[in-house]
C-alpha atoms as a PDB file:
ATOM      1  CA  TYR A   1      -1.616 -20.444  -3.062  1.00  0.00           C
ATOM      2  CA  ASN A   2       1.550 -19.203  -4.665  1.00  0.00           C
ATOM      3  CA  VAL A   3       2.557 -19.368  -8.309  1.00  0.00           C
ATOM      4  CA  CYS A   4       6.204 -18.959  -9.239  1.00  0.00           C
ATOM      5  CA  ASP A   5       7.386 -18.821 -12.861  1.00  0.00           C
ATOM      6  CA  HIS A   6      10.521 -20.872 -13.669  1.00  0.00           C
ATOM      7  CA  GLY A   7      11.644 -18.498 -16.422  1.00  0.00           C
ATOM      8  CA  ALA A   8      11.205 -15.385 -14.297  1.00  0.00           C
ATOM      9  CA  CYS A   9      13.122 -16.985 -11.418  1.00  0.00           C
ATOM     10  CA  PHE A  10      15.953 -18.028 -13.704  1.00  0.00           C
ATOM     11  CA  ARG A  11      16.245 -14.519 -15.128  1.00  0.00           C
ATOM     12  CA  GLU A  12      16.300 -13.020 -11.630  1.00  0.00           C
ATOM     13  CA  VAL A  13      18.546 -15.406  -9.691  1.00  0.00           C
ATOM     14  CA  GLY A  14      19.869 -17.968 -12.195  1.00  0.00           C
ATOM     15  CA  SER A  15      17.900 -20.811 -10.633  1.00  0.00           C
ATOM     16  CA  GLN A  16      14.604 -22.611 -11.139  1.00  0.00           C
ATOM     17  CA  ALA A  17      11.476 -21.782  -9.168  1.00  0.00           C
ATOM     18  CA  ILE A  18      11.850 -24.790  -6.839  1.00  0.00           C
ATOM     19  CA  SER A  19      15.106 -23.353  -5.484  1.00  0.00           C
ATOM     20  CA  TYR A  20      13.509 -19.939  -5.099  1.00  0.00           C
ATOM     21  CA  THR A  21      10.428 -21.284  -3.320  1.00  0.00           C
ATOM     22  CA  THR A  22      12.646 -23.307  -0.976  1.00  0.00           C
ATOM     23  CA  GLY A  23      15.251 -20.637  -0.245  1.00  0.00           C
ATOM     24  CA  VAL A  24      13.095 -17.549   0.217  1.00  0.00           C
ATOM     25  CA  PRO A  25      10.889 -18.989   3.018  1.00  0.00           C
ATOM     26  CA  ALA A  26      13.990 -20.300   4.822  1.00  0.00           C
ATOM     27  CA  MET A  27      15.568 -16.846   4.577  1.00  0.00           C
ATOM     28  CA  ILE A  28      12.395 -15.200   5.895  1.00  0.00           C
ATOM     29  CA  GLY A  29      12.257 -17.574   8.881  1.00  0.00           C
ATOM     30  CA  THR A  30      15.897 -16.829   9.674  1.00  0.00           C
ATOM     31  CA  LYS A  31      15.228 -13.087   9.343  1.00  0.00           C
ATOM     32  CA  LEU A  32      12.278 -13.266  11.752  1.00  0.00           C
ATOM     33  CA  ILE A  33      14.373 -15.184  14.295  1.00  0.00           C
ATOM     34  CA  ALA A  34      17.224 -12.658  13.980  1.00  0.00           C
ATOM     35  CA  GLU A  35      14.777  -9.770  14.444  1.00  0.00           C
ATOM     36  CA  GLY A  36      13.402 -11.416  17.582  1.00  0.00           C
ATOM     37  CA  LEU A  37       9.859 -11.801  16.202  1.00  0.00           C
ATOM     38  CA  TRP A  38      10.091 -15.599  16.225  1.00  0.00           C
ATOM     39  CA  ARG A  39      12.153 -16.092  19.365  1.00  0.00           C
ATOM     40  CA  LYS A  40      10.841 -17.828  22.476  1.00  0.00           C
ATOM     41  CA  PRO A  41      12.610 -19.939  25.059  1.00  0.00           C
ATOM     42  CA  GLY A  42      12.354 -23.660  24.396  1.00  0.00           C
ATOM     43  CA  VAL A  43      11.633 -25.634  21.255  1.00  0.00           C
ATOM     44  CA  TRP A  44       8.845 -24.471  18.936  1.00  0.00           C
ATOM     45  CA  ASN A  45       7.503 -25.441  15.521  1.00  0.00           C
ATOM     46  CA  MET A  46       7.279 -22.551  13.079  1.00  0.00           C
ATOM     47  CA  GLU A  47       3.502 -23.096  12.897  1.00  0.00           C
ATOM     48  CA  GLU A  48       3.296 -21.963  16.547  1.00  0.00           C
ATOM     49  CA  PHE A  49       4.568 -18.462  15.717  1.00  0.00           C
ATOM     50  CA  ASP A  50       2.534 -15.515  14.413  1.00  0.00           C
ATOM     51  CA  PRO A  51       2.225 -16.096  10.639  1.00  0.00           C
ATOM     52  CA  ASP A  52       1.438 -12.480   9.694  1.00  0.00           C
ATOM     53  CA  PRO A  53       5.040 -11.175   9.464  1.00  0.00           C
ATOM     54  CA  PHE A  54       6.045 -14.286   7.482  1.00  0.00           C
ATOM     55  CA  MET A  55       3.149 -13.934   5.042  1.00  0.00           C
ATOM     56  CA  ALA A  56       3.866 -10.202   4.594  1.00  0.00           C
ATOM     57  CA  ASP A  57       7.524 -10.952   3.852  1.00  0.00           C
ATOM     58  CA  LEU A  58       6.566 -13.559   1.251  1.00  0.00           C
ATOM     59  CA  ASN A  59       4.953 -10.720  -0.696  1.00  0.00           C
ATOM     60  CA  ARG A  60       7.914  -8.430  -0.049  1.00  0.00           C
ATOM     61  CA  PHE A  61      10.561 -10.942  -1.168  1.00  0.00           C
ATOM     62  CA  GLY A  62       9.013 -12.135  -4.420  1.00  0.00           C
ATOM     63  CA  LEU A  63       6.584 -14.910  -3.502  1.00  0.00           C
ATOM     64  CA  PRO A  64       3.180 -13.219  -3.563  1.00  0.00           C
ATOM     65  CA  TRP A  65       0.312 -15.379  -2.393  1.00  0.00           C
ATOM     66  CA  ASN A  66      -3.447 -15.465  -2.685  1.00  0.00           C
ATOM     67  CA  CYS A  67      -6.159 -16.931  -0.496  1.00  0.00           C
ATOM     68  CA  VAL A  68      -9.297 -18.365  -2.030  1.00  0.00           C
ATOM     69  CA  GLU A  69     -12.202 -19.114   0.293  1.00  0.00           C
ATOM     70  CA  VAL A  70     -14.022 -22.231  -0.869  1.00  0.00           C
ATOM     71  CA  PRO A  71     -17.537 -22.732   0.467  1.00  0.00           C
ATOM     72  CA  ALA A  72     -18.142 -25.968   2.336  1.00  0.00           C
ATOM     73  CA  SER A  73     -20.100 -28.460   0.279  1.00  0.00           C
END
């Protein structure tokens, strides 16, 4: 999960958290394509690419995330 504070986002970029949480992942995807990490011939969904560089960049570009393992009931 990811938690983004509206006030902190507004102070940083002059926008609410929804804009930040929409724009940053789009920028990261574009960056990974430009770097050649997410480039294959043909048409691919982003879920078919290696998620590790994307998840690392979320932390790097201000959207830190956490994973909570929930035991099966």
